[in-house]
Amino acid sequence: MKAVFEVIGGPMDGTIFSLEESGKIGRAEECKIHLPYDKFISRDHADIIFRDDGIFLKDNNSRNGTFVNGMLIEQTFKLDSGIEFTAGSTCLKINITES
């Protein structure tokens, strides 16, 4: 399974990230979705979790929260293709493929 994340709003608009395994979203350099120009995103903001039953998004008690469809997520949220979510001031859209 592969997930492509497109930044569709925020300081890095148009940037594409491709993941084939779990990783972090944040300002820290070690994050697989590294967003260093977003002043509102935490260093370790959220996790993208690959499991046998899908790809999931989990907020890591970030200061500004993680939102899906404008709603704050408080539990692990299953992502599907086309879902848009916001971390800090960055909006991302996911596309999932089987290869």
PDB file of N, CA and C in Angstrom:
ATOM      1  N   MET A   1       0.849  -1.174   0.000  1.00  0.00           N
ATOM      2  CA  MET A   1       0.000   0.000   0.000  1.00  0.00           C
ATOM      3  C   MET A   1       0.895   1.238   0.000  1.00  0.00           C
ATOM      4  N   LYS A   2       0.470   2.250  -0.747  1.00  0.00           N
ATOM      5  CA  LYS A   2       1.219   3.502  -0.846  1.00  0.00           C
ATOM      6  C   LYS A   2       0.252   4.661  -0.651  1.00  0.00           C
ATOM      7  N   ALA A   3       0.718   5.690   0.045  1.00  0.00           N
ATOM      8  CA  ALA A   3      -0.093   6.883   0.270  1.00  0.00           C
ATOM      9  C   ALA A   3       0.669   8.101  -0.241  1.00  0.00           C
ATOM     10  N   VAL A   4      -0.013   8.892  -1.049  1.00  0.00           N
ATOM     11  CA  VAL A   4       0.558  10.140  -1.541  1.00  0.00           C
ATOM     12  C   VAL A   4      -0.211  11.275  -0.861  1.00  0.00           C
ATOM     13  N   PHE A   5       0.529  12.161  -0.219  1.00  0.00           N
ATOM     14  CA  PHE A   5      -0.048  13.305   0.484  1.00  0.00           C
ATOM     15  C   PHE A   5       0.324  14.558  -0.286  1.00  0.00           C
ATOM     16  N   GLU A   6      -0.687  15.323  -0.698  1.00  0.00           N
ATOM     17  CA  GLU A   6      -0.463  16.576  -1.404  1.00  0.00           C
ATOM     18  C   GLU A   6      -0.841  17.732  -0.489  1.00  0.00           C
ATOM     19  N   VAL A   7       0.064  18.677  -0.327  1.00  0.00           N
ATOM     20  CA  VAL A   7      -0.234  19.873   0.445  1.00  0.00           C
ATOM     21  C   VAL A   7      -1.104  20.766  -0.442  1.00  0.00           C
ATOM     22  N   ILE A   8      -2.344  20.997   0.003  1.00  0.00           N
ATOM     23  CA  ILE A   8      -3.281  21.794  -0.795  1.00  0.00           C
ATOM     24  C   ILE A   8      -3.582  23.145  -0.154  1.00  0.00           C
ATOM     25  N   GLY A   9      -2.885  23.459   0.933  1.00  0.00           N
ATOM     26  CA  GLY A   9      -3.026  24.748   1.590  1.00  0.00           C
ATOM     27  C   GLY A   9      -1.965  24.902   2.654  1.00  0.00           C
ATOM     28  N   GLY A  10      -1.427  26.080   2.770  1.00  0.00           N
ATOM     29  CA  GLY A  10      -0.409  26.326   3.780  1.00  0.00           C
ATOM     30  C   GLY A  10       0.911  26.719   3.147  1.00  0.00           C
ATOM     31  N   PRO A  11       1.936  26.899   3.989  1.00  0.00           N
ATOM     32  CA  PRO A  11       3.219  27.416   3.527  1.00  0.00           C
ATOM     33  C   PRO A  11       3.912  26.564   2.460  1.00  0.00           C
ATOM     34  N   MET A  12       3.615  25.282   2.382  1.00  0.00           N
ATOM     35  CA  MET A  12       4.285  24.411   1.411  1.00  0.00           C
ATOM     36  C   MET A  12       3.311  23.903   0.351  1.00  0.00           C
ATOM     37  N   ASP A  13       2.339  24.738   0.010  1.00  0.00           N
ATOM     38  CA  ASP A  13       1.308  24.403  -0.968  1.00  0.00           C
ATOM     39  C   ASP A  13       1.935  23.814  -2.236  1.00  0.00           C
ATOM     40  N   GLY A  14       1.392  22.672  -2.683  1.00  0.00           N
ATOM     41  CA  GLY A  14       1.873  22.015  -3.886  1.00  0.00           C
ATOM     42  C   GLY A  14       2.907  20.940  -3.643  1.00  0.00           C
ATOM     43  N   THR A  15       3.436  20.836  -2.427  1.00  0.00           N
ATOM     44  CA  THR A  15       4.433  19.819  -2.104  1.00  0.00           C
ATOM     45  C   THR A  15       3.763  18.446  -2.029  1.00  0.00           C
ATOM     46  N   ILE A  16       4.469  17.421  -2.505  1.00  0.00           N
ATOM     47  CA  ILE A  16       3.965  16.049  -2.501  1.00  0.00           C
ATOM     48  C   ILE A  16       4.878  15.187  -1.619  1.00  0.00           C
ATOM     49  N   PHE A  17       4.270  14.371  -0.792  1.00  0.00           N
ATOM     50  CA  PHE A  17       4.985  13.396   0.026  1.00  0.00           C
ATOM     51  C   PHE A  17       4.433  12.014  -0.293  1.00  0.00           C
ATOM     52  N   SER A  18       5.298  11.022  -0.451  1.00  0.00           N
ATOM     53  CA  SER A  18       4.879   9.660  -0.752  1.00  0.00           C
ATOM     54  C   SER A  18       5.390   8.740   0.354  1.00  0.00           C
ATOM     55  N   LEU A  19       4.479   7.978   0.962  1.00  0.00           N
ATOM     56  CA  LEU A  19       4.845   7.065   2.045  1.00  0.00           C
ATOM     57  C   LEU A  19       4.397   5.646   1.723  1.00  0.00           C
ATOM     58  N   GLU A  20       5.226   4.692   2.099  1.00  0.00           N
ATOM     59  CA  GLU A  20       4.882   3.278   1.975  1.00  0.00           C
ATOM     60  C   GLU A  20       4.970   2.583   3.332  1.00  0.00           C
ATOM     61  N   GLU A  21       5.191   3.371   4.379  1.00  0.00           N
ATOM     62  CA  GLU A  21       5.262   2.849   5.740  1.00  0.00           C
ATOM     63  C   GLU A  21       4.885   3.968   6.705  1.00  0.00           C
ATOM     64  N   SER A  22       4.677   3.607   7.945  1.00  0.00           N
ATOM     65  CA  SER A  22       4.294   4.572   8.969  1.00  0.00           C
ATOM     66  C   SER A  22       5.338   5.674   9.112  1.00  0.00           C
ATOM     67  N   GLY A  23       4.892   6.851   9.518  1.00  0.00           N
ATOM     68  CA  GLY A  23       5.796   7.967   9.725  1.00  0.00           C
ATOM     69  C   GLY A  23       5.106   9.110  10.448  1.00  0.00           C
ATOM     70  N   LYS A  24       5.877  10.107  10.783  1.00  0.00           N
ATOM     71  CA  LYS A  24       5.378  11.258  11.532  1.00  0.00           C
ATOM     72  C   LYS A  24       5.176  12.465  10.629  1.00  0.00           C
ATOM     73  N   ILE A  25       4.274  13.352  11.077  1.00  0.00           N
ATOM     74  CA  ILE A  25       4.041  14.645  10.453  1.00  0.00           C
ATOM     75  C   ILE A  25       4.491  15.697  11.459  1.00  0.00           C
ATOM     76  N   GLY A  26       5.288  16.679  11.014  1.00  0.00           N
ATOM     77  CA  GLY A  26       5.687  17.739  11.925  1.00  0.00           C
ATOM     78  C   GLY A  26       6.836  18.570  11.410  1.00  0.00           C
ATOM     79  N   ARG A  27       7.332  19.457  12.277  1.00  0.00           N
ATOM     80  CA  ARG A  27       8.451  20.341  11.933  1.00  0.00           C
ATOM     81  C   ARG A  27       9.811  19.684  12.113  1.00  0.00           C
ATOM     82  N   ALA A  28       9.889  18.623  12.914  1.00  0.00           N
ATOM     83  CA  ALA A  28      11.174  17.967  13.168  1.00  0.00           C
ATOM     84  C   ALA A  28      11.730  17.353  11.880  1.00  0.00           C
ATOM     85  N   GLU A  29      13.045  17.443  11.704  1.00  0.00           N
ATOM     86  CA  GLU A  29      13.682  16.946  10.485  1.00  0.00           C
ATOM     87  C   GLU A  29      13.435  15.473  10.232  1.00  0.00           C
ATOM     88  N   GLU A  30      13.272  14.688  11.271  1.00  0.00           N
ATOM     89  CA  GLU A  30      13.095  13.242  11.087  1.00  0.00           C
ATOM     90  C   GLU A  30      11.676  12.849  10.651  1.00  0.00           C
ATOM     91  N   CYS A  31      10.773  13.801  10.587  1.00  0.00           N
ATOM     92  CA  CYS A  31       9.396  13.508  10.159  1.00  0.00           C
ATOM     93  C   CYS A  31       9.375  13.161   8.672  1.00  0.00           C
ATOM     94  N   LYS A  32       8.619  12.128   8.326  1.00  0.00           N
ATOM     95  CA  LYS A  32       8.495  11.740   6.915  1.00  0.00           C
ATOM     96  C   LYS A  32       7.684  12.767   6.140  1.00  0.00           C
ATOM     97  N   ILE A  33       6.740  13.424   6.807  1.00  0.00           N
ATOM     98  CA  ILE A  33       6.058  14.575   6.220  1.00  0.00           C
ATOM     99  C   ILE A  33       6.573  15.781   6.995  1.00  0.00           C
ATOM    100  N   HIS A  34       7.684  16.315   6.483  1.00  0.00           N
ATOM    101  CA  HIS A  34       8.443  17.372   7.155  1.00  0.00           C
ATOM    102  C   HIS A  34       7.920  18.726   6.682  1.00  0.00           C
ATOM    103  N   LEU A  35       7.347  19.484   7.602  1.00  0.00           N
ATOM    104  CA  LEU A  35       6.722  20.774   7.289  1.00  0.00           C
ATOM    105  C   LEU A  35       7.394  21.891   8.096  1.00  0.00           C
ATOM    106  N   PRO A  36       8.639  22.222   7.763  1.00  0.00           N
ATOM    107  CA  PRO A  36       9.418  23.157   8.580  1.00  0.00           C
ATOM    108  C   PRO A  36       8.948  24.608   8.550  1.00  0.00           C
ATOM    109  N   TYR A  37       8.133  24.997   7.562  1.00  0.00           N
ATOM    110  CA  TYR A  37       7.735  26.399   7.425  1.00  0.00           C
ATOM    111  C   TYR A  37       6.390  26.725   8.056  1.00  0.00           C
ATOM    112  N   ASP A  38       5.748  25.722   8.653  1.00  0.00           N
ATOM    113  CA  ASP A  38       4.441  25.928   9.295  1.00  0.00           C
ATOM    114  C   ASP A  38       4.669  26.251  10.770  1.00  0.00           C
ATOM    115  N   LYS A  39       4.455  27.526  11.150  1.00  0.00           N
ATOM    116  CA  LYS A  39       4.675  27.958  12.541  1.00  0.00           C
ATOM    117  C   LYS A  39       3.660  27.367  13.513  1.00  0.00           C
ATOM    118  N   PHE A  40       2.572  26.808  12.998  1.00  0.00           N
ATOM    119  CA  PHE A  40       1.500  26.314  13.860  1.00  0.00           C
ATOM    120  C   PHE A  40       1.503  24.794  14.016  1.00  0.00           C
ATOM    121  N   ILE A  41       2.479  24.127  13.427  1.00  0.00           N
ATOM    122  CA  ILE A  41       2.554  22.674  13.536  1.00  0.00           C
ATOM    123  C   ILE A  41       3.595  22.307  14.590  1.00  0.00           C
ATOM    124  N   SER A  42       3.312  21.276  15.355  1.00  0.00           N
ATOM    125  CA  SER A  42       4.244  20.820  16.393  1.00  0.00           C
ATOM    126  C   SER A  42       5.410  20.069  15.745  1.00  0.00           C
ATOM    127  N   ARG A  43       6.488  19.956  16.484  1.00  0.00           N
ATOM    128  CA  ARG A  43       7.640  19.190  15.975  1.00  0.00           C
ATOM    129  C   ARG A  43       7.223  17.743  15.686  1.00  0.00           C
ATOM    130  N   ASP A  44       6.464  17.144  16.587  1.00  0.00           N
ATOM    131  CA  ASP A  44       5.928  15.789  16.434  1.00  0.00           C
ATOM    132  C   ASP A  44       4.406  15.920  16.513  1.00  0.00           C
ATOM    133  N   HIS A  45       3.788  16.332  15.427  1.00  0.00           N
ATOM    134  CA  HIS A  45       2.379  16.719  15.428  1.00  0.00           C
ATOM    135  C   HIS A  45       1.433  15.516  15.391  1.00  0.00           C
ATOM    136  N   ALA A  46       1.671  14.600  14.442  1.00  0.00           N
ATOM    137  CA  ALA A  46       0.749  13.480  14.245  1.00  0.00           C
ATOM    138  C   ALA A  46       1.490  12.299  13.636  1.00  0.00           C
ATOM    139  N   ASP A  47       0.860  11.139  13.714  1.00  0.00           N
ATOM    140  CA  ASP A  47       1.413   9.923  13.121  1.00  0.00           C
ATOM    141  C   ASP A  47       0.537   9.462  11.973  1.00  0.00           C
ATOM    142  N   ILE A  48       1.169   8.973  10.914  1.00  0.00           N
ATOM    143  CA  ILE A  48       0.501   8.230   9.861  1.00  0.00           C
ATOM    144  C   ILE A  48       0.856   6.772  10.143  1.00  0.00           C
ATOM    145  N   ILE A  49      -0.155   5.944  10.341  1.00  0.00           N
ATOM    146  CA  ILE A  49       0.063   4.557  10.755  1.00  0.00           C
ATOM    147  C   ILE A  49      -0.449   3.618   9.669  1.00  0.00           C
ATOM    148  N   PHE A  50       0.449   2.810   9.118  1.00  0.00           N
ATOM    149  CA  PHE A  50       0.086   1.787   8.142  1.00  0.00           C
ATOM    150  C   PHE A  50      -0.190   0.497   8.896  1.00  0.00           C
ATOM    151  N   ARG A  51      -1.376  -0.067   8.685  1.00  0.00           N
ATOM    152  CA  ARG A  51      -1.751  -1.358   9.272  1.00  0.00           C
ATOM    153  C   ARG A  51      -2.348  -2.222   8.173  1.00  0.00           C
ATOM    154  N   ASP A  52      -2.534  -3.494   8.473  1.00  0.00           N
ATOM    155  CA  ASP A  52      -3.137  -4.399   7.492  1.00  0.00           C
ATOM    156  C   ASP A  52      -4.532  -3.948   7.081  1.00  0.00           C
ATOM    157  N   ASP A  53      -5.253  -3.294   7.986  1.00  0.00           N
ATOM    158  CA  ASP A  53      -6.635  -2.884   7.697  1.00  0.00           C
ATOM    159  C   ASP A  53      -6.754  -1.434   7.214  1.00  0.00           C
ATOM    160  N   GLY A  54      -5.630  -0.797   6.845  1.00  0.00           N
ATOM    161  CA  GLY A  54      -5.702   0.541   6.288  1.00  0.00           C
ATOM    162  C   GLY A  54      -4.622   1.481   6.791  1.00  0.00           C
ATOM    163  N   ILE A  55      -4.809   2.743   6.456  1.00  0.00           N
ATOM    164  CA  ILE A  55      -3.886   3.808   6.863  1.00  0.00           C
ATOM    165  C   ILE A  55      -4.644   4.728   7.812  1.00  0.00           C
ATOM    166  N   PHE A  56      -3.997   5.063   8.924  1.00  0.00           N
ATOM    167  CA  PHE A  56      -4.665   5.796   9.994  1.00  0.00           C
ATOM    168  C   PHE A  56      -3.878   7.054  10.350  1.00  0.00           C
ATOM    169  N   LEU A  57      -4.596   8.044  10.875  1.00  0.00           N
ATOM    170  CA  LEU A  57      -4.045   9.317  11.323  1.00  0.00           C
ATOM    171  C   LEU A  57      -4.279   9.435  12.819  1.00  0.00           C
ATOM    172  N   LYS A  58      -3.221   9.787  13.568  1.00  0.00           N
ATOM    173  CA  LYS A  58      -3.334   9.930  15.025  1.00  0.00           C
ATOM    174  C   LYS A  58      -2.626  11.215  15.450  1.00  0.00           C
ATOM    175  N   ASP A  59      -3.351  12.092  16.115  1.00  0.00           N
ATOM    176  CA  ASP A  59      -2.763  13.314  16.657  1.00  0.00           C
ATOM    177  C   ASP A  59      -1.915  12.958  17.873  1.00  0.00           C
ATOM    178  N   ASN A  60      -0.765  13.604  18.018  1.00  0.00           N
ATOM    179  CA  ASN A  60       0.140  13.331  19.142  1.00  0.00           C
ATOM    180  C   ASN A  60       0.055  14.411  20.213  1.00  0.00           C
ATOM    181  N   ASN A  61      -1.178  14.713  20.634  1.00  0.00           N
ATOM    182  CA  ASN A  61      -1.410  15.754  21.641  1.00  0.00           C
ATOM    183  C   ASN A  61      -0.757  17.072  21.226  1.00  0.00           C
ATOM    184  N   SER A  62      -0.901  17.389  19.944  1.00  0.00           N
ATOM    185  CA  SER A  62      -0.311  18.621  19.415  1.00  0.00           C
ATOM    186  C   SER A  62      -1.018  19.838  20.011  1.00  0.00           C
ATOM    187  N   ARG A  63      -0.324  20.948  19.997  1.00  0.00           N
ATOM    188  CA  ARG A  63      -0.870  22.178  20.571  1.00  0.00           C
ATOM    189  C   ARG A  63      -2.107  22.660  19.813  1.00  0.00           C
ATOM    190  N   ASN A  64      -2.074  22.600  18.472  1.00  0.00           N
ATOM    191  CA  ASN A  64      -3.165  23.144  17.668  1.00  0.00           C
ATOM    192  C   ASN A  64      -4.110  22.089  17.092  1.00  0.00           C
ATOM    193  N   GLY A  65      -3.874  20.825  17.393  1.00  0.00           N
ATOM    194  CA  GLY A  65      -4.781  19.774  16.975  1.00  0.00           C
ATOM    195  C   GLY A  65      -4.652  19.374  15.511  1.00  0.00           C
ATOM    196  N   THR A  66      -5.327  18.280  15.184  1.00  0.00           N
ATOM    197  CA  THR A  66      -5.406  17.759  13.825  1.00  0.00           C
ATOM    198  C   THR A  66      -6.886  17.629  13.495  1.00  0.00           C
ATOM    199  N   PHE A  67      -7.273  18.114  12.325  1.00  0.00           N
ATOM    200  CA  PHE A  67      -8.684  18.191  11.962  1.00  0.00           C
ATOM    201  C   PHE A  67      -8.958  17.439  10.665  1.00  0.00           C
ATOM    202  N   VAL A  68     -10.056  16.693  10.636  1.00  0.00           N
ATOM    203  CA  VAL A  68     -10.549  16.037   9.428  1.00  0.00           C
ATOM    204  C   VAL A  68     -11.940  16.600   9.169  1.00  0.00           C
ATOM    205  N   ASN A  69     -12.137  17.128   7.971  1.00  0.00           N
ATOM    206  CA  ASN A  69     -13.422  17.755   7.628  1.00  0.00           C
ATOM    207  C   ASN A  69     -13.839  18.795   8.666  1.00  0.00           C
ATOM    208  N   GLY A  70     -12.861  19.548   9.176  1.00  0.00           N
ATOM    209  CA  GLY A  70     -13.137  20.615  10.126  1.00  0.00           C
ATOM    210  C   GLY A  70     -13.380  20.169  11.557  1.00  0.00           C
ATOM    211  N   MET A  71     -13.335  18.867  11.801  1.00  0.00           N
ATOM    212  CA  MET A  71     -13.585  18.348  13.155  1.00  0.00           C
ATOM    213  C   MET A  71     -12.289  17.849  13.775  1.00  0.00           C
ATOM    214  N   LEU A  72     -12.037  18.261  15.012  1.00  0.00           N
ATOM    215  CA  LEU A  72     -10.861  17.833  15.753  1.00  0.00           C
ATOM    216  C   LEU A  72     -10.902  16.324  15.960  1.00  0.00           C
ATOM    217  N   ILE A  73      -9.814  15.625  15.626  1.00  0.00           N
ATOM    218  CA  ILE A  73      -9.787  14.184  15.880  1.00  0.00           C
ATOM    219  C   ILE A  73      -9.171  13.944  17.252  1.00  0.00           C
ATOM    220  N   GLU A  74      -9.827  13.122  18.012  1.00  0.00           N
ATOM    221  CA  GLU A  74      -9.349  12.797  19.356  1.00  0.00           C
ATOM    222  C   GLU A  74      -8.981  11.328  19.477  1.00  0.00           C
ATOM    223  N   GLN A  75      -9.289  10.564  18.440  1.00  0.00           N
ATOM    224  CA  GLN A  75      -8.930   9.150  18.389  1.00  0.00           C
ATOM    225  C   GLN A  75      -8.277   8.881  17.047  1.00  0.00           C
ATOM    226  N   THR A  76      -7.672   7.723  16.905  1.00  0.00           N
ATOM    227  CA  THR A  76      -7.082   7.336  15.631  1.00  0.00           C
ATOM    228  C   THR A  76      -8.179   7.312  14.572  1.00  0.00           C
ATOM    229  N   PHE A  77      -7.898   7.925  13.410  1.00  0.00           N
ATOM    230  CA  PHE A  77      -8.896   8.103  12.354  1.00  0.00           C
ATOM    231  C   PHE A  77      -8.434   7.382  11.102  1.00  0.00           C
ATOM    232  N   LYS A  78      -9.293   6.538  10.518  1.00  0.00           N
ATOM    233  CA  LYS A  78      -8.938   5.814   9.286  1.00  0.00           C
ATOM    234  C   LYS A  78      -9.051   6.756   8.093  1.00  0.00           C
ATOM    235  N   LEU A  79      -7.976   6.793   7.309  1.00  0.00           N
ATOM    236  CA  LEU A  79      -7.935   7.641   6.123  1.00  0.00           C
ATOM    237  C   LEU A  79      -8.344   6.856   4.886  1.00  0.00           C
ATOM    238  N   ASP A  80      -9.079   7.497   3.999  1.00  0.00           N
ATOM    239  CA  ASP A  80      -9.431   6.957   2.691  1.00  0.00           C
ATOM    240  C   ASP A  80      -8.969   7.955   1.643  1.00  0.00           C
ATOM    241  N   SER A  81      -8.821   7.498   0.410  1.00  0.00           N
ATOM    242  CA  SER A  81      -8.442   8.401  -0.680  1.00  0.00           C
ATOM    243  C   SER A  81      -9.410   9.577  -0.759  1.00  0.00           C
ATOM    244  N   GLY A  82      -8.843  10.750  -0.969  1.00  0.00           N
ATOM    245  CA  GLY A  82      -9.652  11.951  -1.128  1.00  0.00           C
ATOM    246  C   GLY A  82      -9.898  12.717   0.152  1.00  0.00           C
ATOM    247  N   ILE A  83      -9.594  12.124   1.287  1.00  0.00           N
ATOM    248  CA  ILE A  83      -9.806  12.821   2.564  1.00  0.00           C
ATOM    249  C   ILE A  83      -8.798  13.956   2.697  1.00  0.00           C
ATOM    250  N   GLU A  84      -9.291  15.092   3.173  1.00  0.00           N
ATOM    251  CA  GLU A  84      -8.452  16.245   3.458  1.00  0.00           C
ATOM    252  C   GLU A  84      -8.378  16.431   4.963  1.00  0.00           C
ATOM    253  N   PHE A  85      -7.180  16.729   5.443  1.00  0.00           N
ATOM    254  CA  PHE A  85      -7.020  16.981   6.878  1.00  0.00           C
ATOM    255  C   PHE A  85      -6.042  18.123   7.084  1.00  0.00           C
ATOM    256  N   THR A  86      -6.153  18.750   8.250  1.00  0.00           N
ATOM    257  CA  THR A  86      -5.330  19.912   8.578  1.00  0.00           C
ATOM    258  C   THR A  86      -4.511  19.637   9.828  1.00  0.00           C
ATOM    259  N   ALA A  87      -3.220  19.919   9.716  1.00  0.00           N
ATOM    260  CA  ALA A  87      -2.288  19.846  10.840  1.00  0.00           C
ATOM    261  C   ALA A  87      -1.596  21.204  10.889  1.00  0.00           C
ATOM    262  N   GLY A  88      -1.705  21.909  12.004  1.00  0.00           N
ATOM    263  CA  GLY A  88      -1.193  23.274  12.063  1.00  0.00           C
ATOM    264  C   GLY A  88      -1.978  24.127  11.080  1.00  0.00           C
ATOM    265  N   SER A  89      -1.272  24.834  10.194  1.00  0.00           N
ATOM    266  CA  SER A  89      -1.961  25.618   9.167  1.00  0.00           C
ATOM    267  C   SER A  89      -1.825  24.957   7.792  1.00  0.00           C
ATOM    268  N   THR A  90      -1.423  23.682   7.783  1.00  0.00           N
ATOM    269  CA  THR A  90      -1.219  22.952   6.532  1.00  0.00           C
ATOM    270  C   THR A  90      -2.377  22.001   6.282  1.00  0.00           C
ATOM    271  N   CYS A  91      -2.951  22.090   5.088  1.00  0.00           N
ATOM    272  CA  CYS A  91      -4.025  21.185   4.677  1.00  0.00           C
ATOM    273  C   CYS A  91      -3.441  20.183   3.683  1.00  0.00           C
ATOM    274  N   LEU A  92      -3.688  18.904   3.941  1.00  0.00           N
ATOM    275  CA  LEU A  92      -3.195  17.846   3.077  1.00  0.00           C
ATOM    276  C   LEU A  92      -4.335  16.991   2.563  1.00  0.00           C
ATOM    277  N   LYS A  93      -4.155  16.430   1.380  1.00  0.00           N
ATOM    278  CA  LYS A  93      -5.115  15.505   0.783  1.00  0.00           C
ATOM    279  C   LYS A  93      -4.397  14.210   0.497  1.00  0.00           C
ATOM    280  N   ILE A  94      -5.034  13.084   0.830  1.00  0.00           N
ATOM    281  CA  ILE A  94      -4.394  11.782   0.665  1.00  0.00           C
ATOM    282  C   ILE A  94      -4.978  11.041  -0.532  1.00  0.00           C
ATOM    283  N   ASN A  95      -4.092  10.316  -1.240  1.00  0.00           N
ATOM    284  CA  ASN A  95      -4.505   9.390  -2.292  1.00  0.00           C
ATOM    285  C   ASN A  95      -3.822   8.058  -1.986  1.00  0.00           C
ATOM    286  N   ILE A  96      -4.598   7.003  -1.847  1.00  0.00           N
ATOM    287  CA  ILE A  96      -4.076   5.685  -1.485  1.00  0.00           C
ATOM    288  C   ILE A  96      -4.141   4.769  -2.702  1.00  0.00           C
ATOM    289  N   THR A  97      -3.015   4.073  -2.963  1.00  0.00           N
ATOM    290  CA  THR A  97      -2.986   3.067  -4.029  1.00  0.00           C
ATOM    291  C   THR A  97      -2.488   1.752  -3.449  1.00  0.00           C
ATOM    292  N   GLU A  98      -2.781   0.678  -4.149  1.00  0.00           N
ATOM    293  CA  GLU A  98      -2.387  -0.651  -3.662  1.00  0.00           C
ATOM    294  C   GLU A  98      -0.946  -1.014  -3.994  1.00  0.00           C
ATOM    295  N   SER A  99      -0.314  -0.289  -4.899  1.00  0.00           N
ATOM    296  CA  SER A  99       1.065  -0.645  -5.275  1.00  0.00           C
ATOM    297  C   SER A  99       2.076   0.102  -4.478  1.00  0.00           C
TER     298      SER A  99
END
